[in-house]
Amino acid sequence: MKFKNAFGICVIFLAFSHPSVGQEEADSLSLDVPLNLPKIGAPYIADRIADWSLECVRGEDGFEICEMTQLLLNKQQQPMSEISILRLTNDNGIVAGANIIVPLETLLTIPLTISFDDENVKQYPYSFCNAIGCIVSIGLNANEVNILKKGTQAYISVVHISQPNTPITFGISLKGFTAAFEKTTTVRR
């Protein structure tokens, strides 16, 4: 038995030391190629899931925080808003946080309205405005997240200062919502 094992090892050794076999093996080896890791603190798109993007930021420790985002368009297909959602530890019934950015010149005295479906419509006050737009920061409970997971479309309504009696409504596509939501990072509030 010792002779057969030694013979087998010699055959394997000779096969790999043969010039043609060795060259084929060398041609298939991976070379040292630098990884294209994102810069620390710089946001990047890690994945696209239907109508959602998974946007991540890498920390110094290598840990990434990922949120789902979507650019929202009006009926003329012009960008109107952006929404980003991040899972939260279930604190007081809030399971997710969302930031919604709407254009400057939005009438801030009339709250932003979200229609989760025909029966669940809620209003939210604006938190602040900066150079990119006005932001609404909201908490979503488990029921609202479940409605979004089951739906196909939700709607946001805002009012422009030039037309205070005419709300502007645009949709949030829920295609890919569940899969994107599951890939977001859960953070503590």
N, C-alpha and C. Protein backbone atom coordinates (compact mmCIF):
# COMPACT_ATOMS: atom_id res chain seq x y z
N MET A 1 0.80 -1.19 0.00
CA MET A 1 0.00 0.00 0.00
C MET A 1 0.86 1.27 0.00
N LYS A 2 1.98 1.23 0.74
CA LYS A 2 2.84 2.40 0.78
C LYS A 2 3.39 2.71 -0.60
N PHE A 3 3.71 1.69 -1.36
CA PHE A 3 4.25 1.87 -2.69
C PHE A 3 3.23 2.53 -3.62
N LYS A 4 1.96 2.11 -3.55
CA LYS A 4 0.92 2.68 -4.42
C LYS A 4 0.71 4.16 -4.08
N ASN A 5 0.66 4.52 -2.80
CA ASN A 5 0.47 5.93 -2.42
C ASN A 5 1.65 6.77 -2.88
N ALA A 6 2.85 6.26 -2.70
CA ALA A 6 4.04 7.00 -3.13
C ALA A 6 4.05 7.16 -4.64
N PHE A 7 3.66 6.11 -5.36
CA PHE A 7 3.60 6.18 -6.82
C PHE A 7 2.59 7.24 -7.27
N GLY A 8 1.42 7.27 -6.63
CA GLY A 8 0.40 8.27 -6.97
C GLY A 8 0.88 9.68 -6.75
N ILE A 9 1.60 9.91 -5.66
CA ILE A 9 2.13 11.23 -5.37
C ILE A 9 3.16 11.63 -6.42
N CYS A 10 4.01 10.69 -6.84
CA CYS A 10 5.01 10.98 -7.87
C CYS A 10 4.34 11.36 -9.18
N VAL A 11 3.28 10.64 -9.55
CA VAL A 11 2.57 10.94 -10.79
C VAL A 11 1.98 12.34 -10.73
N ILE A 12 1.35 12.70 -9.61
CA ILE A 12 0.77 14.04 -9.46
C ILE A 12 1.88 15.08 -9.54
N PHE A 13 3.00 14.86 -8.84
CA PHE A 13 4.12 15.80 -8.86
C PHE A 13 4.66 15.99 -10.27
N LEU A 14 4.84 14.88 -10.99
CA LEU A 14 5.36 14.97 -12.35
C LEU A 14 4.38 15.69 -13.28
N ALA A 15 3.09 15.46 -13.08
CA ALA A 15 2.10 16.11 -13.94
C ALA A 15 2.15 17.62 -13.77
N PHE A 16 2.28 18.09 -12.54
CA PHE A 16 2.31 19.52 -12.30
C PHE A 16 3.65 20.14 -12.64
N SER A 17 4.72 19.31 -12.68
CA SER A 17 6.03 19.86 -13.02
C SER A 17 6.28 19.83 -14.52
N HIS A 18 5.42 19.17 -15.28
CA HIS A 18 5.55 19.14 -16.74
C HIS A 18 5.33 20.55 -17.27
N PRO A 19 6.15 21.05 -18.19
CA PRO A 19 6.07 22.43 -18.65
C PRO A 19 4.70 22.84 -19.18
N SER A 20 4.03 21.99 -19.96
CA SER A 20 2.73 22.40 -20.52
C SER A 20 1.66 22.48 -19.45
N VAL A 21 1.67 21.56 -18.50
CA VAL A 21 0.67 21.61 -17.41
C VAL A 21 0.97 22.80 -16.52
N GLY A 22 2.20 23.02 -16.19
CA GLY A 22 2.58 24.14 -15.34
C GLY A 22 2.20 25.47 -15.96
N GLN A 23 2.40 25.63 -17.28
CA GLN A 23 2.06 26.87 -17.95
C GLN A 23 0.56 27.11 -17.93
N GLU A 24 -0.23 26.04 -18.16
CA GLU A 24 -1.69 26.19 -18.11
C GLU A 24 -2.13 26.63 -16.72
N GLU A 25 -1.54 26.03 -15.68
CA GLU A 25 -1.88 26.40 -14.32
C GLU A 25 -1.51 27.85 -14.05
N ALA A 26 -0.33 28.27 -14.52
CA ALA A 26 0.11 29.64 -14.28
C ALA A 26 -0.80 30.63 -14.99
N ASP A 27 -1.28 30.27 -16.18
CA ASP A 27 -2.17 31.17 -16.92
C ASP A 27 -3.51 31.35 -16.22
N SER A 28 -3.94 30.39 -15.42
CA SER A 28 -5.24 30.50 -14.77
C SER A 28 -5.16 31.05 -13.36
N LEU A 29 -3.98 31.37 -12.87
CA LEU A 29 -3.84 31.91 -11.52
C LEU A 29 -4.29 33.36 -11.48
N SER A 30 -4.85 33.76 -10.35
CA SER A 30 -5.26 35.15 -10.17
C SER A 30 -4.05 36.00 -9.85
N LEU A 31 -4.01 37.16 -10.42
CA LEU A 31 -2.91 38.08 -10.15
C LEU A 31 -3.33 39.04 -9.06
N ASP A 32 -2.37 39.71 -8.48
CA ASP A 32 -2.64 40.67 -7.42
C ASP A 32 -3.26 41.92 -8.05
N VAL A 33 -4.59 42.03 -7.95
CA VAL A 33 -5.31 43.16 -8.50
C VAL A 33 -5.90 43.94 -7.34
N PRO A 34 -5.67 45.24 -7.27
CA PRO A 34 -6.20 46.00 -6.13
C PRO A 34 -7.72 46.01 -6.13
N LEU A 35 -8.31 45.89 -4.93
CA LEU A 35 -9.75 45.95 -4.79
C LEU A 35 -10.21 47.38 -4.95
N ASN A 36 -11.34 47.58 -5.57
CA ASN A 36 -11.91 48.91 -5.71
C ASN A 36 -12.87 49.16 -4.56
N LEU A 37 -12.35 49.26 -3.36
CA LEU A 37 -13.18 49.52 -2.20
C LEU A 37 -13.58 50.99 -2.19
N PRO A 38 -14.80 51.28 -1.77
CA PRO A 38 -15.21 52.69 -1.69
C PRO A 38 -14.40 53.41 -0.62
N LYS A 39 -14.24 54.70 -0.81
CA LYS A 39 -13.51 55.50 0.17
C LYS A 39 -14.32 55.58 1.45
N ILE A 40 -13.63 55.61 2.54
CA ILE A 40 -14.29 55.69 3.85
C ILE A 40 -15.10 56.98 3.92
N GLY A 41 -16.36 56.85 4.28
CA GLY A 41 -17.25 57.99 4.42
C GLY A 41 -17.91 58.46 3.14
N ALA A 42 -17.54 57.91 2.00
CA ALA A 42 -18.12 58.33 0.72
C ALA A 42 -19.29 57.40 0.36
N PRO A 43 -20.47 57.95 0.12
CA PRO A 43 -21.60 57.09 -0.26
C PRO A 43 -21.39 56.49 -1.64
N TYR A 44 -21.90 55.27 -1.80
CA TYR A 44 -21.83 54.61 -3.10
C TYR A 44 -23.04 53.69 -3.24
N ILE A 45 -23.40 53.38 -4.49
CA ILE A 45 -24.52 52.49 -4.76
C ILE A 45 -23.99 51.06 -4.74
N ALA A 46 -24.44 50.28 -3.76
CA ALA A 46 -23.99 48.90 -3.60
C ALA A 46 -24.83 47.94 -4.42
N ASP A 47 -26.09 48.30 -4.68
CA ASP A 47 -26.98 47.39 -5.39
C ASP A 47 -28.18 48.17 -5.91
N ARG A 48 -28.78 47.67 -6.96
CA ARG A 48 -30.05 48.21 -7.46
C ARG A 48 -31.06 47.08 -7.40
N ILE A 49 -32.16 47.34 -6.75
CA ILE A 49 -33.19 46.34 -6.55
C ILE A 49 -34.50 46.92 -7.08
N ALA A 50 -34.85 46.51 -8.29
CA ALA A 50 -36.03 47.05 -8.98
C ALA A 50 -35.92 48.57 -9.02
N ASP A 51 -36.87 49.29 -8.40
CA ASP A 51 -36.86 50.75 -8.46
C ASP A 51 -36.13 51.41 -7.30
N TRP A 52 -35.44 50.62 -6.50
CA TRP A 52 -34.71 51.13 -5.34
C TRP A 52 -33.20 50.95 -5.52
N SER A 53 -32.44 51.85 -4.93
CA SER A 53 -30.99 51.72 -4.87
C SER A 53 -30.60 51.47 -3.42
N LEU A 54 -29.62 50.63 -3.23
CA LEU A 54 -29.06 50.41 -1.90
C LEU A 54 -27.81 51.26 -1.82
N GLU A 55 -27.89 52.35 -1.07
CA GLU A 55 -26.78 53.30 -0.95
C GLU A 55 -26.08 53.05 0.38
N CYS A 56 -24.76 52.86 0.33
CA CYS A 56 -24.00 52.51 1.53
C CYS A 56 -22.88 53.52 1.76
N VAL A 57 -22.44 53.57 3.01
CA VAL A 57 -21.28 54.35 3.42
C VAL A 57 -20.43 53.42 4.26
N ARG A 58 -19.14 53.32 3.91
CA ARG A 58 -18.21 52.46 4.63
C ARG A 58 -17.49 53.25 5.70
N GLY A 59 -17.48 52.70 6.92
CA GLY A 59 -16.79 53.35 8.03
C GLY A 59 -15.34 52.91 8.12
N GLU A 60 -14.58 53.55 8.98
CA GLU A 60 -13.16 53.23 9.16
C GLU A 60 -12.96 51.79 9.61
N ASP A 61 -13.92 51.26 10.36
CA ASP A 61 -13.80 49.89 10.86
C ASP A 61 -14.24 48.85 9.82
N GLY A 62 -14.59 49.31 8.61
CA GLY A 62 -15.04 48.41 7.56
C GLY A 62 -16.53 48.15 7.60
N PHE A 63 -17.21 48.56 8.66
CA PHE A 63 -18.66 48.37 8.78
C PHE A 63 -19.38 49.33 7.84
N GLU A 64 -20.39 48.84 7.17
CA GLU A 64 -21.15 49.68 6.25
C GLU A 64 -22.55 49.93 6.79
N ILE A 65 -23.02 51.13 6.58
CA ILE A 65 -24.41 51.47 6.86
C ILE A 65 -25.07 51.65 5.50
N CYS A 66 -26.14 50.89 5.26
CA CYS A 66 -26.81 50.92 3.96
C CYS A 66 -28.28 51.30 4.13
N GLU A 67 -28.73 52.20 3.29
CA GLU A 67 -30.13 52.60 3.27
C GLU A 67 -30.65 52.44 1.85
N MET A 68 -31.97 52.33 1.74
CA MET A 68 -32.58 52.22 0.43
C MET A 68 -33.05 53.61 0.00
N THR A 69 -32.83 53.94 -1.27
CA THR A 69 -33.18 55.26 -1.76
C THR A 69 -33.92 55.16 -3.10
N GLN A 70 -34.68 56.19 -3.38
CA GLN A 70 -35.37 56.28 -4.67
C GLN A 70 -35.56 57.74 -5.03
N LEU A 71 -35.25 58.07 -6.26
CA LEU A 71 -35.51 59.40 -6.80
C LEU A 71 -36.96 59.39 -7.29
N LEU A 72 -37.75 60.35 -6.81
CA LEU A 72 -39.17 60.39 -7.15
C LEU A 72 -39.41 61.43 -8.25
N LEU A 73 -40.18 61.03 -9.25
CA LEU A 73 -40.43 61.87 -10.42
C LEU A 73 -41.88 62.32 -10.47
N ASN A 74 -42.10 63.48 -11.08
CA ASN A 74 -43.49 63.92 -11.29
C ASN A 74 -44.03 63.33 -12.59
N LYS A 75 -45.23 63.74 -12.99
CA LYS A 75 -45.86 63.17 -14.20
C LYS A 75 -45.07 63.46 -15.47
N GLN A 76 -44.28 64.53 -15.45
CA GLN A 76 -43.45 64.88 -16.60
C GLN A 76 -42.07 64.21 -16.52
N GLN A 77 -41.90 63.28 -15.58
CA GLN A 77 -40.66 62.53 -15.38
C GLN A 77 -39.49 63.43 -14.94
N GLN A 78 -39.82 64.53 -14.27
CA GLN A 78 -38.79 65.41 -13.71
C GLN A 78 -38.57 65.03 -12.24
N PRO A 79 -37.32 65.07 -11.77
CA PRO A 79 -37.06 64.76 -10.36
C PRO A 79 -37.77 65.74 -9.44
N MET A 80 -38.50 65.22 -8.48
CA MET A 80 -39.24 66.05 -7.54
C MET A 80 -38.77 65.88 -6.11
N SER A 81 -38.33 64.69 -5.80
CA SER A 81 -38.04 64.38 -4.41
C SER A 81 -37.13 63.17 -4.35
N GLU A 82 -36.61 62.91 -3.17
CA GLU A 82 -35.85 61.70 -2.95
C GLU A 82 -36.26 61.16 -1.58
N ILE A 83 -36.37 59.85 -1.50
CA ILE A 83 -36.69 59.22 -0.22
C ILE A 83 -35.59 58.23 0.12
N SER A 84 -35.21 58.20 1.38
CA SER A 84 -34.26 57.20 1.87
C SER A 84 -34.84 56.58 3.12
N ILE A 85 -34.68 55.26 3.23
CA ILE A 85 -35.25 54.51 4.34
C ILE A 85 -34.19 53.61 4.95
N LEU A 86 -34.18 53.56 6.28
CA LEU A 86 -33.23 52.77 7.04
C LEU A 86 -34.00 52.03 8.14
N ARG A 87 -33.68 50.76 8.32
CA ARG A 87 -34.34 50.01 9.40
C ARG A 87 -33.80 50.49 10.74
N LEU A 88 -34.67 50.51 11.73
CA LEU A 88 -34.30 50.89 13.09
C LEU A 88 -34.63 49.74 14.04
N THR A 89 -33.93 49.70 15.16
CA THR A 89 -34.34 48.73 16.17
C THR A 89 -35.74 49.12 16.60
N ASN A 90 -36.58 48.16 16.84
CA ASN A 90 -37.98 48.42 17.17
C ASN A 90 -38.06 49.16 18.50
N ASP A 91 -38.11 50.47 18.42
CA ASP A 91 -38.13 51.33 19.60
C ASP A 91 -39.47 52.07 19.62
N ASN A 92 -40.28 51.76 20.60
CA ASN A 92 -41.62 52.39 20.72
C ASN A 92 -42.46 52.18 19.47
N GLY A 93 -42.32 51.02 18.84
CA GLY A 93 -43.13 50.70 17.67
C GLY A 93 -42.60 51.22 16.35
N ILE A 94 -41.52 51.98 16.37
CA ILE A 94 -40.93 52.52 15.13
C ILE A 94 -39.89 51.53 14.64
N VAL A 95 -40.08 50.99 13.41
CA VAL A 95 -39.18 49.97 12.87
C VAL A 95 -38.32 50.49 11.72
N ALA A 96 -38.62 51.70 11.25
CA ALA A 96 -37.84 52.29 10.16
C ALA A 96 -37.91 53.81 10.24
N GLY A 97 -36.86 54.43 9.73
CA GLY A 97 -36.84 55.87 9.62
C GLY A 97 -36.71 56.26 8.16
N ALA A 98 -37.35 57.34 7.79
CA ALA A 98 -37.28 57.81 6.40
C ALA A 98 -36.99 59.30 6.38
N ASN A 99 -36.16 59.69 5.45
CA ASN A 99 -35.94 61.10 5.15
C ASN A 99 -36.46 61.34 3.75
N ILE A 100 -37.26 62.37 3.61
CA ILE A 100 -37.81 62.74 2.31
C ILE A 100 -37.34 64.16 2.02
N ILE A 101 -36.70 64.34 0.87
CA ILE A 101 -36.21 65.66 0.47
C ILE A 101 -37.12 66.16 -0.65
N VAL A 102 -37.67 67.35 -0.46
CA VAL A 102 -38.51 67.97 -1.48
C VAL A 102 -37.86 69.29 -1.91
N PRO A 103 -38.27 69.85 -3.05
CA PRO A 103 -37.62 71.06 -3.56
C PRO A 103 -37.79 72.27 -2.64
N LEU A 104 -36.82 73.17 -2.76
CA LEU A 104 -36.99 74.48 -2.13
C LEU A 104 -38.22 75.13 -2.74
N GLU A 105 -38.76 76.11 -2.09
CA GLU A 105 -40.00 76.79 -2.48
C GLU A 105 -41.23 75.92 -2.24
N THR A 106 -41.07 74.88 -1.43
CA THR A 106 -42.23 74.12 -0.96
C THR A 106 -42.85 74.94 0.16
N LEU A 107 -44.15 75.02 0.19
CA LEU A 107 -44.86 75.77 1.22
C LEU A 107 -44.79 74.96 2.52
N LEU A 108 -43.99 75.44 3.46
CA LEU A 108 -43.70 74.69 4.68
C LEU A 108 -44.83 74.70 5.70
N THR A 109 -45.79 75.60 5.54
CA THR A 109 -46.90 75.65 6.49
C THR A 109 -47.93 74.56 6.25
N ILE A 110 -47.86 73.92 5.09
CA ILE A 110 -48.75 72.80 4.79
C ILE A 110 -47.90 71.53 4.84
N PRO A 111 -48.19 70.62 5.77
CA PRO A 111 -47.35 69.43 5.92
C PRO A 111 -47.32 68.55 4.67
N LEU A 112 -46.25 67.79 4.55
CA LEU A 112 -46.14 66.78 3.50
C LEU A 112 -47.14 65.66 3.81
N THR A 113 -47.79 65.14 2.79
CA THR A 113 -48.76 64.06 2.97
C THR A 113 -48.26 62.81 2.28
N ILE A 114 -48.33 61.68 2.98
CA ILE A 114 -48.02 60.38 2.39
C ILE A 114 -49.27 59.53 2.41
N SER A 115 -49.63 59.02 1.23
CA SER A 115 -50.73 58.06 1.12
C SER A 115 -50.10 56.68 0.98
N PHE A 116 -50.10 55.92 2.08
CA PHE A 116 -49.54 54.58 2.06
C PHE A 116 -50.43 53.66 1.21
N ASP A 117 -51.72 53.86 1.33
CA ASP A 117 -52.74 53.20 0.50
C ASP A 117 -54.00 54.05 0.63
N ASP A 118 -55.13 53.58 0.12
CA ASP A 118 -56.35 54.40 0.14
C ASP A 118 -56.83 54.72 1.55
N GLU A 119 -56.53 53.86 2.51
CA GLU A 119 -57.05 54.03 3.87
C GLU A 119 -56.05 54.65 4.83
N ASN A 120 -54.78 54.64 4.51
CA ASN A 120 -53.74 55.13 5.41
C ASN A 120 -53.02 56.33 4.82
N VAL A 121 -53.48 57.51 5.22
CA VAL A 121 -52.92 58.77 4.74
C VAL A 121 -52.48 59.56 5.98
N LYS A 122 -51.22 60.03 5.96
CA LYS A 122 -50.70 60.75 7.12
C LYS A 122 -49.97 62.02 6.67
N GLN A 123 -49.96 63.00 7.56
CA GLN A 123 -49.26 64.25 7.31
C GLN A 123 -48.05 64.36 8.23
N TYR A 124 -46.96 64.97 7.71
CA TYR A 124 -45.73 65.11 8.47
C TYR A 124 -45.19 66.53 8.30
N PRO A 125 -44.75 67.16 9.38
CA PRO A 125 -44.16 68.51 9.28
C PRO A 125 -42.74 68.44 8.72
N TYR A 126 -42.29 69.54 8.16
CA TYR A 126 -40.93 69.65 7.65
C TYR A 126 -39.98 69.84 8.83
N SER A 127 -38.82 69.22 8.75
CA SER A 127 -37.83 69.33 9.83
C SER A 127 -36.94 70.55 9.63
N PHE A 128 -36.40 70.72 8.41
CA PHE A 128 -35.53 71.85 8.11
C PHE A 128 -35.31 71.91 6.61
N CYS A 129 -34.73 73.01 6.15
CA CYS A 129 -34.35 73.16 4.75
C CYS A 129 -32.86 73.48 4.70
N ASN A 130 -32.20 73.05 3.62
CA ASN A 130 -30.80 73.40 3.39
C ASN A 130 -30.65 73.68 1.90
N ALA A 131 -29.44 73.70 1.40
CA ALA A 131 -29.20 74.07 0.00
C ALA A 131 -29.79 73.08 -1.00
N ILE A 132 -30.01 71.82 -0.60
CA ILE A 132 -30.53 70.84 -1.56
C ILE A 132 -32.04 70.70 -1.52
N GLY A 133 -32.69 71.18 -0.47
CA GLY A 133 -34.14 71.07 -0.39
C GLY A 133 -34.63 71.09 1.04
N CYS A 134 -35.90 70.78 1.22
CA CYS A 134 -36.51 70.73 2.54
C CYS A 134 -36.72 69.27 2.92
N ILE A 135 -36.43 68.96 4.17
CA ILE A 135 -36.40 67.58 4.62
C ILE A 135 -37.50 67.30 5.63
N VAL A 136 -38.14 66.16 5.43
CA VAL A 136 -39.11 65.62 6.37
C VAL A 136 -38.50 64.33 6.90
N SER A 137 -38.36 64.22 8.21
CA SER A 137 -37.84 63.01 8.83
C SER A 137 -38.99 62.34 9.57
N ILE A 138 -39.26 61.08 9.20
CA ILE A 138 -40.42 60.40 9.79
C ILE A 138 -40.03 59.03 10.32
N GLY A 139 -40.81 58.56 11.24
CA GLY A 139 -40.69 57.20 11.73
C GLY A 139 -41.82 56.36 11.16
N LEU A 140 -41.51 55.14 10.76
CA LEU A 140 -42.52 54.25 10.19
C LEU A 140 -42.73 53.09 11.16
N ASN A 141 -44.01 52.80 11.46
CA ASN A 141 -44.29 51.67 12.33
C ASN A 141 -44.40 50.39 11.50
N ALA A 142 -44.52 49.27 12.17
CA ALA A 142 -44.55 47.97 11.47
C ALA A 142 -45.72 47.88 10.51
N ASN A 143 -46.87 48.42 10.87
CA ASN A 143 -48.04 48.38 9.99
C ASN A 143 -47.78 49.15 8.70
N GLU A 144 -47.19 50.33 8.82
CA GLU A 144 -46.89 51.13 7.62
C GLU A 144 -45.87 50.43 6.73
N VAL A 145 -44.85 49.84 7.32
CA VAL A 145 -43.86 49.10 6.53
C VAL A 145 -44.51 47.91 5.84
N ASN A 146 -45.40 47.21 6.53
CA ASN A 146 -46.10 46.07 5.92
C ASN A 146 -46.99 46.51 4.76
N ILE A 147 -47.63 47.66 4.89
CA ILE A 147 -48.45 48.19 3.79
C ILE A 147 -47.55 48.46 2.58
N LEU A 148 -46.39 49.06 2.83
CA LEU A 148 -45.46 49.36 1.74
C LEU A 148 -44.94 48.07 1.09
N LYS A 149 -44.68 47.05 1.91
CA LYS A 149 -44.21 45.77 1.37
C LYS A 149 -45.25 45.11 0.47
N LYS A 150 -46.52 45.28 0.78
CA LYS A 150 -47.59 44.62 0.02
C LYS A 150 -48.07 45.46 -1.16
N GLY A 151 -47.76 46.74 -1.15
CA GLY A 151 -48.29 47.64 -2.17
C GLY A 151 -47.47 47.69 -3.44
N THR A 152 -47.98 48.47 -4.39
CA THR A 152 -47.26 48.70 -5.64
C THR A 152 -46.87 50.17 -5.80
N GLN A 153 -47.61 51.05 -5.11
CA GLN A 153 -47.37 52.48 -5.24
C GLN A 153 -47.87 53.19 -3.99
N ALA A 154 -47.09 54.14 -3.50
CA ALA A 154 -47.52 55.07 -2.46
C ALA A 154 -47.40 56.47 -3.07
N TYR A 155 -47.99 57.47 -2.42
CA TYR A 155 -47.97 58.81 -3.00
C TYR A 155 -47.58 59.85 -1.97
N ILE A 156 -46.84 60.86 -2.45
CA ILE A 156 -46.46 62.00 -1.63
C ILE A 156 -47.10 63.23 -2.26
N SER A 157 -47.61 64.11 -1.39
CA SER A 157 -48.17 65.39 -1.86
C SER A 157 -47.49 66.53 -1.13
N VAL A 158 -47.10 67.53 -1.89
CA VAL A 158 -46.52 68.76 -1.35
C VAL A 158 -47.23 69.94 -2.01
N VAL A 159 -47.01 71.14 -1.47
CA VAL A 159 -47.60 72.34 -2.03
C VAL A 159 -46.48 73.33 -2.33
N HIS A 160 -46.47 73.86 -3.55
CA HIS A 160 -45.48 74.85 -3.95
C HIS A 160 -45.99 76.23 -3.53
N ILE A 161 -45.06 77.13 -3.16
CA ILE A 161 -45.49 78.45 -2.68
C ILE A 161 -46.25 79.25 -3.73
N SER A 162 -46.02 78.97 -5.02
CA SER A 162 -46.71 79.72 -6.08
C SER A 162 -48.14 79.26 -6.29
N GLN A 163 -48.49 78.06 -5.81
CA GLN A 163 -49.85 77.54 -5.97
C GLN A 163 -50.32 76.91 -4.66
N PRO A 164 -50.61 77.73 -3.66
CA PRO A 164 -50.93 77.21 -2.33
C PRO A 164 -52.20 76.37 -2.24
N ASN A 165 -53.05 76.43 -3.24
CA ASN A 165 -54.30 75.66 -3.21
C ASN A 165 -54.26 74.42 -4.09
N THR A 166 -53.11 74.13 -4.69
CA THR A 166 -53.00 73.00 -5.61
C THR A 166 -51.85 72.09 -5.19
N PRO A 167 -52.13 71.00 -4.48
CA PRO A 167 -51.07 70.08 -4.11
C PRO A 167 -50.45 69.41 -5.33
N ILE A 168 -49.16 69.14 -5.24
CA ILE A 168 -48.44 68.40 -6.28
C ILE A 168 -48.23 67.00 -5.73
N THR A 169 -48.71 66.00 -6.48
CA THR A 169 -48.62 64.61 -6.02
C THR A 169 -47.71 63.83 -6.95
N PHE A 170 -46.85 63.01 -6.36
CA PHE A 170 -45.98 62.14 -7.15
C PHE A 170 -45.84 60.82 -6.42
N GLY A 171 -45.51 59.79 -7.18
CA GLY A 171 -45.53 58.43 -6.64
C GLY A 171 -44.19 57.94 -6.12
N ILE A 172 -44.30 56.97 -5.22
CA ILE A 172 -43.16 56.19 -4.75
C ILE A 172 -43.41 54.78 -5.26
N SER A 173 -42.57 54.30 -6.16
CA SER A 173 -42.72 52.93 -6.63
C SER A 173 -42.32 51.98 -5.50
N LEU A 174 -43.13 50.98 -5.27
CA LEU A 174 -42.84 49.99 -4.24
C LEU A 174 -42.30 48.69 -4.84
N LYS A 175 -41.99 48.73 -6.13
CA LYS A 175 -41.39 47.56 -6.78
C LYS A 175 -40.00 47.34 -6.21
N GLY A 176 -39.77 46.20 -5.59
CA GLY A 176 -38.49 45.88 -4.98
C GLY A 176 -38.36 46.36 -3.55
N PHE A 177 -39.43 46.94 -2.99
CA PHE A 177 -39.36 47.50 -1.63
C PHE A 177 -38.94 46.46 -0.60
N THR A 178 -39.58 45.30 -0.60
CA THR A 178 -39.31 44.29 0.42
C THR A 178 -37.86 43.82 0.37
N ALA A 179 -37.37 43.49 -0.81
CA ALA A 179 -35.99 43.00 -0.95
C ALA A 179 -34.99 44.08 -0.55
N ALA A 180 -35.24 45.32 -0.94
CA ALA A 180 -34.33 46.42 -0.59
C ALA A 180 -34.37 46.67 0.92
N PHE A 181 -35.57 46.62 1.50
CA PHE A 181 -35.71 46.86 2.93
C PHE A 181 -34.92 45.84 3.74
N GLU A 182 -34.94 44.59 3.29
CA GLU A 182 -34.22 43.53 4.01
C GLU A 182 -32.71 43.71 3.93
N LYS A 183 -32.22 44.44 2.92
CA LYS A 183 -30.78 44.64 2.77
C LYS A 183 -30.28 45.90 3.48
N THR A 184 -31.19 46.71 4.00
CA THR A 184 -30.74 47.91 4.70
C THR A 184 -30.15 47.53 6.05
N THR A 185 -29.36 48.40 6.58
CA THR A 185 -28.74 48.19 7.88
C THR A 185 -29.74 48.54 8.98
N THR A 186 -29.73 47.77 10.04
CA THR A 186 -30.54 48.12 11.21
C THR A 186 -29.66 48.92 12.17
N VAL A 187 -30.12 50.10 12.53
CA VAL A 187 -29.36 50.95 13.43
C VAL A 187 -30.19 51.27 14.66
N ARG A 188 -29.51 51.61 15.73
CA ARG A 188 -30.20 52.01 16.96
C ARG A 188 -30.57 53.48 16.84
N ARG A 189 -31.73 53.81 17.39
CA ARG A 189 -32.15 55.21 17.43
C ARG A 189 -31.53 55.92 18.59
